[in-house]
Amino acid sequence: MDTFKITNIKQAVKNPERANVFVDGKYEFSLDVTQLLDLKLKVGQEITSGQLSEFKKLSEYGKLYQRTLEWVLSRPRSEKETSDYLYKKIYEKKLDKEYINQIIEKLEKKNCLNDEAFAKWYVENRFVKKGISKKRLSLELAKKGISREIVERVLKDSGRDEKEEILKIIAKKRARYDDDKLIQYLGRQGFSYELAKDLVLASGTDSRNSE
């Protein structure tokens, strides 16, 4: 069995949280500080070809975890979004799919992934000025992998009111649509037909009375 020797371990220049490992005088892989301590690697240690291959896989896992952590921290993400992101990266890097669950579990333990927190953020920030129906929000959240129970709970607790959301849209679209087309548009956006009709007709009356 071929054996190799770890000849140097240096702190990475670009990322001080990682260490570059040299084998037989040549750079072979890098590990984050936690991985390095867990593996107890040291200069002068002999390793087999199988171990070298495993350390390289762990190196890619560490890099992928760090990239995913940065991606998740850039804005709230759902578990499904993160899983889809990881599948794409793993496919590109030809890594083991088992890393997906490991990384997601690690992110959840750090409270960096929480579907309910994501859903609250999404509902609070989605089309705040433009207006959006709860039905559309529900469909969008479902596509992002949020469970029905969480969606219903978050929408119930949200401060978004269907009447206010319709009025936001009317204010933006009134000049472009007549009453019938505006009512149809609101219906396609997931609002109640009757509520949309009442508010559209009322807005038309208000507009005429102000002239």
N, C-alpha and C. Protein backbone atom coordinates (compact mmCIF):
# COMPACT_ATOMS: atom_id res chain seq x y z
N MET A 1 0.85 -1.20 0.00
CA MET A 1 0.00 0.00 0.00
C MET A 1 0.88 1.25 0.00
N ASP A 2 0.58 2.18 -0.90
CA ASP A 2 1.36 3.41 -0.98
C ASP A 2 1.13 4.26 0.27
N THR A 3 2.21 4.85 0.77
CA THR A 3 2.09 5.76 1.91
C THR A 3 2.72 7.10 1.55
N PHE A 4 2.21 8.15 2.20
CA PHE A 4 2.68 9.50 1.95
C PHE A 4 2.93 10.17 3.30
N LYS A 5 3.66 11.26 3.26
CA LYS A 5 3.96 11.96 4.50
C LYS A 5 3.50 13.41 4.43
N ILE A 6 2.82 13.85 5.48
CA ILE A 6 2.43 15.26 5.59
C ILE A 6 3.69 16.05 5.93
N THR A 7 4.09 16.93 5.02
CA THR A 7 5.35 17.66 5.19
C THR A 7 5.17 19.09 5.69
N ASN A 8 3.95 19.63 5.58
CA ASN A 8 3.73 20.99 6.07
C ASN A 8 2.24 21.26 6.21
N ILE A 9 1.90 22.10 7.16
CA ILE A 9 0.52 22.57 7.34
C ILE A 9 0.60 24.07 7.57
N LYS A 10 0.02 24.85 6.64
CA LYS A 10 0.10 26.31 6.72
C LYS A 10 -1.29 26.93 6.75
N GLN A 11 -1.41 28.02 7.48
CA GLN A 11 -2.66 28.77 7.48
C GLN A 11 -2.88 29.35 6.09
N ALA A 12 -4.09 29.19 5.58
CA ALA A 12 -4.40 29.71 4.24
C ALA A 12 -4.38 31.24 4.26
N VAL A 13 -3.86 31.83 3.19
CA VAL A 13 -3.74 33.28 3.11
C VAL A 13 -5.11 33.94 2.91
N LYS A 14 -5.89 33.43 1.96
CA LYS A 14 -7.18 34.04 1.65
C LYS A 14 -8.23 33.80 2.73
N ASN A 15 -8.15 32.66 3.40
CA ASN A 15 -9.11 32.34 4.44
C ASN A 15 -8.38 31.80 5.67
N PRO A 16 -8.14 32.65 6.67
CA PRO A 16 -7.39 32.26 7.87
C PRO A 16 -8.04 31.12 8.65
N GLU A 17 -9.33 30.85 8.36
CA GLU A 17 -10.03 29.77 9.06
C GLU A 17 -9.73 28.41 8.46
N ARG A 18 -8.93 28.39 7.37
CA ARG A 18 -8.57 27.13 6.73
C ARG A 18 -7.05 26.95 6.74
N ALA A 19 -6.63 25.70 6.65
CA ALA A 19 -5.20 25.39 6.64
C ALA A 19 -4.87 24.57 5.40
N ASN A 20 -3.80 24.93 4.73
CA ASN A 20 -3.34 24.18 3.56
C ASN A 20 -2.43 23.04 4.00
N VAL A 21 -2.69 21.85 3.49
CA VAL A 21 -1.91 20.68 3.88
C VAL A 21 -1.06 20.22 2.70
N PHE A 22 0.25 20.07 2.97
CA PHE A 22 1.21 19.65 1.94
C PHE A 22 1.62 18.21 2.21
N VAL A 23 1.61 17.42 1.17
CA VAL A 23 1.99 16.01 1.27
C VAL A 23 3.18 15.76 0.35
N ASP A 24 4.25 15.22 0.92
CA ASP A 24 5.49 14.99 0.17
C ASP A 24 5.94 16.26 -0.56
N GLY A 25 5.84 17.39 0.15
CA GLY A 25 6.32 18.66 -0.38
C GLY A 25 5.39 19.35 -1.35
N LYS A 26 4.21 18.77 -1.59
CA LYS A 26 3.27 19.33 -2.57
C LYS A 26 1.91 19.60 -1.92
N TYR A 27 1.32 20.77 -2.26
CA TYR A 27 -0.03 21.08 -1.74
C TYR A 27 -1.02 20.04 -2.26
N GLU A 28 -1.84 19.50 -1.34
CA GLU A 28 -2.82 18.49 -1.74
C GLU A 28 -4.26 18.87 -1.41
N PHE A 29 -4.48 19.50 -0.27
CA PHE A 29 -5.86 19.85 0.12
C PHE A 29 -5.83 20.87 1.25
N SER A 30 -7.00 21.42 1.56
CA SER A 30 -7.13 22.34 2.69
C SER A 30 -8.29 21.88 3.56
N LEU A 31 -8.21 22.20 4.83
CA LEU A 31 -9.26 21.84 5.79
C LEU A 31 -9.55 23.05 6.66
N ASP A 32 -10.79 23.14 7.17
CA ASP A 32 -11.04 24.21 8.13
C ASP A 32 -10.45 23.80 9.47
N VAL A 33 -10.34 24.76 10.35
CA VAL A 33 -9.67 24.53 11.63
C VAL A 33 -10.30 23.39 12.42
N THR A 34 -11.63 23.34 12.43
CA THR A 34 -12.34 22.29 13.16
C THR A 34 -12.02 20.91 12.60
N GLN A 35 -12.03 20.79 11.28
CA GLN A 35 -11.70 19.52 10.64
C GLN A 35 -10.28 19.10 10.98
N LEU A 36 -9.36 20.05 10.94
CA LEU A 36 -7.97 19.76 11.21
C LEU A 36 -7.79 19.22 12.63
N LEU A 37 -8.46 19.84 13.59
CA LEU A 37 -8.37 19.41 14.98
C LEU A 37 -9.02 18.04 15.18
N ASP A 38 -10.17 17.84 14.53
CA ASP A 38 -10.87 16.55 14.67
C ASP A 38 -10.04 15.40 14.11
N LEU A 39 -9.36 15.64 13.00
CA LEU A 39 -8.57 14.59 12.34
C LEU A 39 -7.19 14.41 12.99
N LYS A 40 -6.79 15.42 13.79
CA LYS A 40 -5.50 15.37 14.50
C LYS A 40 -4.32 15.17 13.55
N LEU A 41 -4.39 15.87 12.42
CA LEU A 41 -3.29 15.78 11.47
C LEU A 41 -2.10 16.61 11.94
N LYS A 42 -0.92 16.15 11.66
CA LYS A 42 0.29 16.88 12.07
C LYS A 42 1.42 16.61 11.09
N VAL A 43 2.37 17.53 11.08
CA VAL A 43 3.53 17.41 10.20
C VAL A 43 4.33 16.16 10.58
N GLY A 44 4.72 15.41 9.57
CA GLY A 44 5.48 14.19 9.80
C GLY A 44 4.63 12.93 9.83
N GLN A 45 3.32 13.12 9.87
CA GLN A 45 2.40 11.98 9.93
C GLN A 45 2.33 11.27 8.58
N GLU A 46 2.36 9.95 8.61
CA GLU A 46 2.23 9.17 7.38
C GLU A 46 0.77 8.80 7.15
N ILE A 47 0.34 8.89 5.91
CA ILE A 47 -1.04 8.56 5.56
C ILE A 47 -1.05 7.66 4.33
N THR A 48 -2.12 6.90 4.18
CA THR A 48 -2.25 5.99 3.04
C THR A 48 -2.93 6.72 1.89
N SER A 49 -2.92 6.11 0.73
CA SER A 49 -3.59 6.70 -0.43
C SER A 49 -5.09 6.81 -0.18
N GLY A 50 -5.64 5.83 0.54
CA GLY A 50 -7.06 5.88 0.86
C GLY A 50 -7.39 7.05 1.78
N GLN A 51 -6.53 7.29 2.76
CA GLN A 51 -6.74 8.42 3.67
C GLN A 51 -6.61 9.74 2.92
N LEU A 52 -5.64 9.82 2.02
CA LEU A 52 -5.46 11.04 1.23
C LEU A 52 -6.71 11.35 0.43
N SER A 53 -7.28 10.33 -0.18
CA SER A 53 -8.50 10.51 -0.97
C SER A 53 -9.64 10.98 -0.08
N GLU A 54 -9.75 10.42 1.13
CA GLU A 54 -10.81 10.80 2.06
C GLU A 54 -10.62 12.23 2.55
N PHE A 55 -9.40 12.63 2.81
CA PHE A 55 -9.13 14.00 3.26
C PHE A 55 -9.48 15.01 2.18
N LYS A 56 -9.26 14.64 0.93
CA LYS A 56 -9.61 15.54 -0.18
C LYS A 56 -11.13 15.71 -0.27
N LYS A 57 -11.87 14.63 -0.01
CA LYS A 57 -13.33 14.72 0.00
C LYS A 57 -13.80 15.62 1.13
N LEU A 58 -13.17 15.45 2.30
CA LEU A 58 -13.52 16.29 3.46
C LEU A 58 -13.20 17.75 3.19
N SER A 59 -12.14 17.97 2.43
CA SER A 59 -11.77 19.33 2.05
C SER A 59 -12.87 19.97 1.22
N GLU A 60 -13.37 19.24 0.22
CA GLU A 60 -14.45 19.75 -0.63
C GLU A 60 -15.73 19.96 0.18
N TYR A 61 -15.98 19.06 1.12
CA TYR A 61 -17.16 19.20 1.99
C TYR A 61 -17.06 20.49 2.79
N GLY A 62 -15.88 20.75 3.37
CA GLY A 62 -15.69 21.96 4.16
C GLY A 62 -15.89 23.22 3.35
N LYS A 63 -15.36 23.21 2.12
CA LYS A 63 -15.52 24.38 1.23
C LYS A 63 -16.98 24.58 0.87
N LEU A 64 -17.67 23.48 0.58
CA LEU A 64 -19.08 23.56 0.21
C LEU A 64 -19.92 24.07 1.37
N TYR A 65 -19.63 23.59 2.56
CA TYR A 65 -20.36 24.06 3.74
C TYR A 65 -20.16 25.56 3.92
N GLN A 66 -18.94 26.04 3.79
CA GLN A 66 -18.65 27.46 3.98
C GLN A 66 -19.38 28.31 2.94
N ARG A 67 -19.36 27.85 1.67
CA ARG A 67 -20.06 28.60 0.61
C ARG A 67 -21.56 28.62 0.88
N THR A 68 -22.10 27.49 1.33
CA THR A 68 -23.54 27.41 1.61
C THR A 68 -23.90 28.28 2.79
N LEU A 69 -23.07 28.30 3.81
CA LEU A 69 -23.30 29.15 4.98
C LEU A 69 -23.35 30.62 4.57
N GLU A 70 -22.42 31.04 3.75
CA GLU A 70 -22.40 32.43 3.28
C GLU A 70 -23.64 32.74 2.45
N TRP A 71 -24.06 31.78 1.64
CA TRP A 71 -25.26 31.95 0.79
C TRP A 71 -26.51 32.08 1.65
N VAL A 72 -26.61 31.25 2.68
CA VAL A 72 -27.77 31.28 3.58
C VAL A 72 -27.80 32.57 4.39
N LEU A 73 -26.64 33.06 4.78
CA LEU A 73 -26.59 34.27 5.60
C LEU A 73 -26.81 35.55 4.79
N SER A 74 -26.73 35.44 3.45
CA SER A 74 -26.95 36.63 2.62
C SER A 74 -28.39 37.11 2.69
N ARG A 75 -29.32 36.18 2.91
CA ARG A 75 -30.74 36.48 3.16
C ARG A 75 -31.39 35.19 3.64
N PRO A 76 -32.54 35.26 4.33
CA PRO A 76 -33.19 34.02 4.78
C PRO A 76 -33.48 33.07 3.62
N ARG A 77 -33.29 31.77 3.85
CA ARG A 77 -33.55 30.75 2.83
C ARG A 77 -34.40 29.64 3.44
N SER A 78 -35.18 28.97 2.60
CA SER A 78 -35.93 27.81 3.07
C SER A 78 -35.04 26.58 2.95
N GLU A 79 -35.45 25.51 3.63
CA GLU A 79 -34.68 24.27 3.56
C GLU A 79 -34.65 23.73 2.14
N LYS A 80 -35.78 23.83 1.42
CA LYS A 80 -35.83 23.33 0.04
C LYS A 80 -34.90 24.14 -0.87
N GLU A 81 -34.92 25.46 -0.71
CA GLU A 81 -34.03 26.30 -1.51
C GLU A 81 -32.57 25.87 -1.30
N THR A 82 -32.23 25.63 -0.04
CA THR A 82 -30.87 25.26 0.31
C THR A 82 -30.52 23.88 -0.24
N SER A 83 -31.47 22.97 -0.15
CA SER A 83 -31.25 21.62 -0.69
C SER A 83 -31.04 21.68 -2.20
N ASP A 84 -31.85 22.49 -2.90
CA ASP A 84 -31.71 22.64 -4.35
C ASP A 84 -30.34 23.25 -4.69
N TYR A 85 -29.93 24.22 -3.91
CA TYR A 85 -28.62 24.87 -4.10
C TYR A 85 -27.51 23.84 -3.96
N LEU A 86 -27.61 23.00 -2.92
CA LEU A 86 -26.59 21.99 -2.66
C LEU A 86 -26.56 20.92 -3.75
N TYR A 87 -27.73 20.50 -4.23
CA TYR A 87 -27.78 19.51 -5.31
C TYR A 87 -27.03 20.02 -6.54
N LYS A 88 -27.24 21.30 -6.84
CA LYS A 88 -26.57 21.89 -8.01
C LYS A 88 -25.06 21.91 -7.80
N LYS A 89 -24.62 22.33 -6.63
CA LYS A 89 -23.19 22.42 -6.35
C LYS A 89 -22.54 21.03 -6.32
N ILE A 90 -23.24 20.07 -5.73
CA ILE A 90 -22.71 18.71 -5.64
C ILE A 90 -22.59 18.07 -7.01
N TYR A 91 -23.57 18.35 -7.86
CA TYR A 91 -23.53 17.84 -9.23
C TYR A 91 -22.32 18.42 -9.97
N GLU A 92 -22.08 19.73 -9.77
CA GLU A 92 -20.96 20.39 -10.43
C GLU A 92 -19.62 19.84 -9.95
N LYS A 93 -19.53 19.55 -8.65
CA LYS A 93 -18.27 19.11 -8.05
C LYS A 93 -18.12 17.58 -8.02
N LYS A 94 -19.20 16.88 -8.42
CA LYS A 94 -19.20 15.41 -8.41
C LYS A 94 -18.93 14.86 -7.00
N LEU A 95 -19.64 15.44 -6.03
CA LEU A 95 -19.49 15.01 -4.64
C LEU A 95 -20.61 14.07 -4.25
N ASP A 96 -20.49 13.48 -3.06
CA ASP A 96 -21.51 12.55 -2.57
C ASP A 96 -22.77 13.30 -2.13
N LYS A 97 -23.93 12.73 -2.48
CA LYS A 97 -25.20 13.36 -2.11
C LYS A 97 -25.42 13.37 -0.60
N GLU A 98 -24.73 12.48 0.11
CA GLU A 98 -24.89 12.42 1.56
C GLU A 98 -24.50 13.73 2.23
N TYR A 99 -23.69 14.53 1.56
CA TYR A 99 -23.26 15.80 2.12
C TYR A 99 -24.43 16.77 2.29
N ILE A 100 -25.45 16.62 1.46
CA ILE A 100 -26.59 17.54 1.51
C ILE A 100 -27.25 17.52 2.88
N ASN A 101 -27.64 16.34 3.34
CA ASN A 101 -28.29 16.23 4.65
C ASN A 101 -27.36 16.66 5.77
N GLN A 102 -26.08 16.33 5.66
CA GLN A 102 -25.12 16.70 6.70
C GLN A 102 -25.02 18.22 6.83
N ILE A 103 -24.94 18.90 5.69
CA ILE A 103 -24.81 20.36 5.71
C ILE A 103 -26.09 21.02 6.20
N ILE A 104 -27.25 20.53 5.74
CA ILE A 104 -28.52 21.10 6.18
C ILE A 104 -28.70 20.92 7.68
N GLU A 105 -28.39 19.74 8.20
CA GLU A 105 -28.50 19.49 9.63
C GLU A 105 -27.58 20.42 10.43
N LYS A 106 -26.39 20.64 9.91
CA LYS A 106 -25.43 21.52 10.58
C LYS A 106 -25.94 22.96 10.60
N LEU A 107 -26.52 23.39 9.49
CA LEU A 107 -27.06 24.75 9.40
C LEU A 107 -28.27 24.94 10.32
N GLU A 108 -29.09 23.90 10.42
CA GLU A 108 -30.25 23.95 11.31
C GLU A 108 -29.82 24.04 12.77
N LYS A 109 -28.78 23.30 13.13
CA LYS A 109 -28.29 23.33 14.50
C LYS A 109 -27.75 24.71 14.86
N LYS A 110 -27.20 25.41 13.86
CA LYS A 110 -26.70 26.76 14.07
C LYS A 110 -27.82 27.79 13.96
N ASN A 111 -29.04 27.31 13.73
CA ASN A 111 -30.22 28.17 13.56
C ASN A 111 -30.08 29.11 12.35
N CYS A 112 -29.35 28.64 11.35
CA CYS A 112 -29.21 29.41 10.11
C CYS A 112 -30.30 29.03 9.11
N LEU A 113 -30.99 27.93 9.38
CA LEU A 113 -32.09 27.48 8.53
C LEU A 113 -33.31 27.23 9.39
N ASN A 114 -34.40 27.91 9.06
CA ASN A 114 -35.64 27.76 9.81
C ASN A 114 -36.78 28.14 8.88
N ASP A 115 -37.58 27.16 8.47
CA ASP A 115 -38.64 27.42 7.49
C ASP A 115 -39.67 28.43 7.98
N GLU A 116 -40.00 28.39 9.26
CA GLU A 116 -41.00 29.33 9.76
C GLU A 116 -40.45 30.75 9.77
N ALA A 117 -39.21 30.91 10.19
CA ALA A 117 -38.59 32.23 10.18
C ALA A 117 -38.48 32.75 8.74
N PHE A 118 -38.15 31.85 7.81
CA PHE A 118 -38.08 32.24 6.40
C PHE A 118 -39.44 32.70 5.91
N ALA A 119 -40.49 31.92 6.22
CA ALA A 119 -41.85 32.25 5.77
C ALA A 119 -42.29 33.61 6.30
N LYS A 120 -41.99 33.91 7.55
CA LYS A 120 -42.33 35.21 8.14
C LYS A 120 -41.62 36.33 7.40
N TRP A 121 -40.34 36.13 7.14
CA TRP A 121 -39.56 37.14 6.41
C TRP A 121 -40.14 37.35 5.01
N TYR A 122 -40.48 36.26 4.35
CA TYR A 122 -41.00 36.33 2.98
C TYR A 122 -42.32 37.10 2.93
N VAL A 123 -43.22 36.77 3.84
CA VAL A 123 -44.53 37.42 3.87
C VAL A 123 -44.39 38.90 4.21
N GLU A 124 -43.47 39.23 5.10
CA GLU A 124 -43.29 40.62 5.50
C GLU A 124 -42.67 41.49 4.41
N ASN A 125 -41.91 40.86 3.51
CA ASN A 125 -41.16 41.65 2.53
C ASN A 125 -41.61 41.53 1.08
N ARG A 126 -42.44 40.55 0.78
CA ARG A 126 -42.84 40.31 -0.61
C ARG A 126 -43.86 41.36 -1.08
N PHE A 127 -43.52 42.13 -2.10
CA PHE A 127 -44.41 43.12 -2.72
C PHE A 127 -45.12 43.99 -1.68
N VAL A 128 -44.35 44.54 -0.76
CA VAL A 128 -44.93 45.37 0.31
C VAL A 128 -45.61 46.60 -0.28
N LYS A 129 -44.99 47.23 -1.27
CA LYS A 129 -45.56 48.43 -1.87
C LYS A 129 -46.52 48.11 -3.01
N LYS A 130 -46.26 47.01 -3.72
CA LYS A 130 -47.08 46.67 -4.88
C LYS A 130 -48.41 46.02 -4.51
N GLY A 131 -48.40 45.25 -3.41
CA GLY A 131 -49.61 44.51 -3.04
C GLY A 131 -49.59 43.08 -3.56
N ILE A 132 -50.04 42.15 -2.74
CA ILE A 132 -50.07 40.74 -3.13
C ILE A 132 -51.13 40.02 -2.30
N SER A 133 -51.80 39.04 -2.89
CA SER A 133 -52.85 38.31 -2.18
C SER A 133 -52.25 37.22 -1.30
N LYS A 134 -52.98 36.83 -0.28
CA LYS A 134 -52.53 35.74 0.58
C LYS A 134 -52.50 34.42 -0.18
N LYS A 135 -53.39 34.28 -1.16
CA LYS A 135 -53.41 33.07 -1.96
C LYS A 135 -52.11 32.94 -2.76
N ARG A 136 -51.67 34.04 -3.35
CA ARG A 136 -50.43 34.00 -4.13
C ARG A 136 -49.24 33.75 -3.21
N LEU A 137 -49.24 34.39 -2.05
CA LEU A 137 -48.16 34.16 -1.08
C LEU A 137 -48.10 32.69 -0.69
N SER A 138 -49.28 32.11 -0.47
CA SER A 138 -49.37 30.70 -0.09
C SER A 138 -48.79 29.80 -1.17
N LEU A 139 -49.11 30.08 -2.43
CA LEU A 139 -48.61 29.27 -3.55
C LEU A 139 -47.10 29.41 -3.69
N GLU A 140 -46.60 30.64 -3.54
CA GLU A 140 -45.17 30.87 -3.67
C GLU A 140 -44.39 30.17 -2.56
N LEU A 141 -44.92 30.24 -1.35
CA LEU A 141 -44.24 29.58 -0.23
C LEU A 141 -44.26 28.06 -0.37
N ALA A 142 -45.35 27.54 -0.92
CA ALA A 142 -45.44 26.09 -1.14
C ALA A 142 -44.37 25.65 -2.13
N LYS A 143 -44.12 26.45 -3.16
CA LYS A 143 -43.09 26.12 -4.14
C LYS A 143 -41.70 26.14 -3.53
N LYS A 144 -41.55 26.88 -2.45
CA LYS A 144 -40.27 26.96 -1.76
C LYS A 144 -40.15 25.91 -0.67
N GLY A 145 -41.13 24.98 -0.65
CA GLY A 145 -41.04 23.84 0.25
C GLY A 145 -41.58 24.08 1.65
N ILE A 146 -42.30 25.17 1.86
CA ILE A 146 -42.83 25.46 3.19
C ILE A 146 -44.12 24.66 3.40
N SER A 147 -44.25 24.01 4.54
CA SER A 147 -45.42 23.17 4.80
C SER A 147 -46.69 24.01 4.91
N ARG A 148 -47.83 23.36 4.65
CA ARG A 148 -49.12 24.04 4.71
C ARG A 148 -49.38 24.60 6.10
N GLU A 149 -49.00 23.84 7.13
CA GLU A 149 -49.22 24.27 8.51
C GLU A 149 -48.49 25.58 8.81
N ILE A 150 -47.24 25.66 8.37
CA ILE A 150 -46.45 26.87 8.61
C ILE A 150 -47.03 28.03 7.82
N VAL A 151 -47.38 27.79 6.56
CA VAL A 151 -47.94 28.84 5.71
C VAL A 151 -49.21 29.41 6.33
N GLU A 152 -50.11 28.53 6.74
CA GLU A 152 -51.37 28.99 7.33
C GLU A 152 -51.13 29.79 8.60
N ARG A 153 -50.21 29.32 9.42
CA ARG A 153 -49.93 30.00 10.69
C ARG A 153 -49.31 31.38 10.45
N VAL A 154 -48.37 31.44 9.53
CA VAL A 154 -47.67 32.70 9.27
C VAL A 154 -48.62 33.72 8.63
N LEU A 155 -49.43 33.28 7.67
CA LEU A 155 -50.37 34.19 7.02
C LEU A 155 -51.43 34.69 8.01
N LYS A 156 -51.86 33.82 8.90
CA LYS A 156 -52.85 34.20 9.90
C LYS A 156 -52.29 35.27 10.83
N ASP A 157 -51.02 35.14 11.18
CA ASP A 157 -50.39 36.06 12.12
C ASP A 157 -49.85 37.33 11.45
N SER A 158 -49.82 37.33 10.13
CA SER A 158 -49.26 38.48 9.42
C SER A 158 -50.21 39.67 9.49
N GLY A 159 -49.65 40.84 9.30
CA GLY A 159 -50.49 42.04 9.34
C GLY A 159 -51.02 42.44 7.98
N ARG A 160 -50.86 41.57 6.99
CA ARG A 160 -51.30 41.92 5.64
C ARG A 160 -52.79 41.70 5.49
N ASP A 161 -53.48 42.75 5.05
CA ASP A 161 -54.94 42.73 4.91
C ASP A 161 -55.30 42.74 3.42
N GLU A 162 -56.20 41.84 3.01
CA GLU A 162 -56.55 41.71 1.59
C GLU A 162 -57.08 43.02 1.00
N LYS A 163 -57.86 43.74 1.78
CA LYS A 163 -58.41 45.01 1.28
C LYS A 163 -57.29 46.01 1.00
N GLU A 164 -56.37 46.12 1.93
CA GLU A 164 -55.24 47.05 1.76
C GLU A 164 -54.37 46.64 0.58
N GLU A 165 -54.19 45.33 0.40
CA GLU A 165 -53.35 44.85 -0.71
C GLU A 165 -54.02 45.16 -2.05
N ILE A 166 -55.33 44.99 -2.12
CA ILE A 166 -56.05 45.32 -3.36
C ILE A 166 -55.94 46.80 -3.66
N LEU A 167 -56.09 47.64 -2.64
CA LEU A 167 -56.02 49.09 -2.86
C LEU A 167 -54.64 49.53 -3.35
N LYS A 168 -53.60 48.84 -2.90
CA LYS A 168 -52.24 49.14 -3.38
C LYS A 168 -52.17 48.89 -4.89
N ILE A 169 -52.74 47.75 -5.31
CA ILE A 169 -52.69 47.40 -6.73
C ILE A 169 -53.56 48.33 -7.56
N ILE A 170 -54.72 48.65 -7.04
CA ILE A 170 -55.61 49.58 -7.76
C ILE A 170 -54.90 50.91 -7.99
N ALA A 171 -54.21 51.39 -6.96
CA ALA A 171 -53.51 52.67 -7.06
C ALA A 171 -52.47 52.64 -8.18
N LYS A 172 -51.86 51.49 -8.40
CA LYS A 172 -50.82 51.38 -9.42
C LYS A 172 -51.38 51.07 -10.82
N LYS A 173 -52.52 50.36 -10.86
CA LYS A 173 -53.03 49.87 -12.14
C LYS A 173 -54.24 50.63 -12.68
N ARG A 174 -54.83 51.48 -11.86
CA ARG A 174 -56.08 52.15 -12.24
C ARG A 174 -55.99 52.84 -13.60
N ALA A 175 -54.91 53.54 -13.85
CA ALA A 175 -54.78 54.31 -15.10
C ALA A 175 -54.65 53.41 -16.33
N ARG A 176 -54.24 52.15 -16.14
CA ARG A 176 -53.98 51.25 -17.27
C ARG A 176 -55.17 50.35 -17.62
N TYR A 177 -56.10 50.16 -16.69
CA TYR A 177 -57.20 49.23 -16.90
C TYR A 177 -58.55 49.90 -16.67
N ASP A 178 -59.57 49.44 -17.43
CA ASP A 178 -60.93 49.85 -17.08
C ASP A 178 -61.40 48.94 -15.95
N ASP A 179 -62.62 49.17 -15.45
CA ASP A 179 -63.10 48.43 -14.28
C ASP A 179 -63.08 46.92 -14.49
N ASP A 180 -63.62 46.46 -15.61
CA ASP A 180 -63.72 45.02 -15.85
C ASP A 180 -62.34 44.36 -15.91
N LYS A 181 -61.44 44.97 -16.65
CA LYS A 181 -60.10 44.39 -16.77
C LYS A 181 -59.35 44.40 -15.45
N LEU A 182 -59.57 45.45 -14.66
CA LEU A 182 -58.90 45.55 -13.37
C LEU A 182 -59.43 44.49 -12.40
N ILE A 183 -60.72 44.26 -12.44
CA ILE A 183 -61.33 43.22 -11.59
C ILE A 183 -60.80 41.84 -11.99
N GLN A 184 -60.73 41.61 -13.30
CA GLN A 184 -60.21 40.32 -13.80
C GLN A 184 -58.74 40.14 -13.39
N TYR A 185 -57.98 41.22 -13.48
CA TYR A 185 -56.56 41.15 -13.11
C TYR A 185 -56.42 40.78 -11.63
N LEU A 186 -57.19 41.42 -10.78
CA LEU A 186 -57.13 41.13 -9.34
C LEU A 186 -57.54 39.69 -9.05
N GLY A 187 -58.51 39.20 -9.82
CA GLY A 187 -58.93 37.81 -9.65
C GLY A 187 -57.81 36.85 -9.99
N ARG A 188 -57.06 37.16 -11.06
CA ARG A 188 -55.93 36.31 -11.45
C ARG A 188 -54.82 36.36 -10.41
N GLN A 189 -54.78 37.43 -9.65
CA GLN A 189 -53.76 37.56 -8.60
C GLN A 189 -54.14 36.84 -7.31
N GLY A 190 -55.34 36.24 -7.32
CA GLY A 190 -55.74 35.43 -6.17
C GLY A 190 -56.67 36.10 -5.18
N PHE A 191 -57.17 37.27 -5.51
CA PHE A 191 -58.08 37.96 -4.60
C PHE A 191 -59.53 37.52 -4.82
N SER A 192 -60.34 37.70 -3.82
CA SER A 192 -61.77 37.41 -3.92
C SER A 192 -62.40 38.29 -4.99
N TYR A 193 -63.19 37.67 -5.86
CA TYR A 193 -63.83 38.43 -6.95
C TYR A 193 -64.75 39.51 -6.39
N GLU A 194 -65.55 39.16 -5.41
CA GLU A 194 -66.51 40.12 -4.86
C GLU A 194 -65.82 41.30 -4.21
N LEU A 195 -64.77 41.02 -3.42
CA LEU A 195 -64.05 42.11 -2.75
C LEU A 195 -63.35 42.98 -3.78
N ALA A 196 -62.75 42.35 -4.78
CA ALA A 196 -62.07 43.11 -5.83
C ALA A 196 -63.06 44.00 -6.58
N LYS A 197 -64.21 43.43 -6.90
CA LYS A 197 -65.23 44.19 -7.63
C LYS A 197 -65.70 45.40 -6.83
N ASP A 198 -66.00 45.19 -5.56
CA ASP A 198 -66.48 46.28 -4.71
C ASP A 198 -65.46 47.41 -4.63
N LEU A 199 -64.20 47.05 -4.44
CA LEU A 199 -63.16 48.06 -4.27
C LEU A 199 -62.83 48.77 -5.58
N VAL A 200 -62.85 48.03 -6.67
CA VAL A 200 -62.59 48.65 -7.98
C VAL A 200 -63.69 49.64 -8.33
N LEU A 201 -64.94 49.23 -8.16
CA LEU A 201 -66.06 50.12 -8.48
C LEU A 201 -66.06 51.33 -7.56
N ALA A 202 -65.74 51.13 -6.30
CA ALA A 202 -65.69 52.24 -5.35
C ALA A 202 -64.57 53.21 -5.71
N SER A 203 -63.46 52.68 -6.17
CA SER A 203 -62.33 53.54 -6.53
C SER A 203 -62.66 54.36 -7.77
N GLY A 204 -63.46 53.77 -8.68
CA GLY A 204 -63.88 54.50 -9.86
C GLY A 204 -64.81 55.64 -9.50
N THR A 205 -65.72 55.40 -8.56
CA THR A 205 -66.64 56.43 -8.09
C THR A 205 -65.89 57.56 -7.40
N ASP A 206 -64.92 57.16 -6.55
CA ASP A 206 -64.12 58.17 -5.84
C ASP A 206 -63.36 59.05 -6.82
N SER A 207 -62.85 58.40 -7.88
CA SER A 207 -62.06 59.14 -8.86
C SER A 207 -62.94 60.14 -9.60
N ARG A 208 -64.17 59.72 -9.95
CA ARG A 208 -65.08 60.62 -10.67
C ARG A 208 -65.55 61.76 -9.78
N ASN A 209 -65.77 61.46 -8.50
CA ASN A 209 -66.25 62.49 -7.58
C ASN A 209 -65.19 63.54 -7.30
N SER A 210 -63.92 63.16 -7.46
CA SER A 210 -62.83 64.12 -7.16
C SER A 210 -62.56 65.05 -8.32
N GLU A 211 -63.14 64.75 -9.48
CA GLU A 211 -62.89 65.58 -10.66
C GLU A 211 -63.70 66.88 -10.61
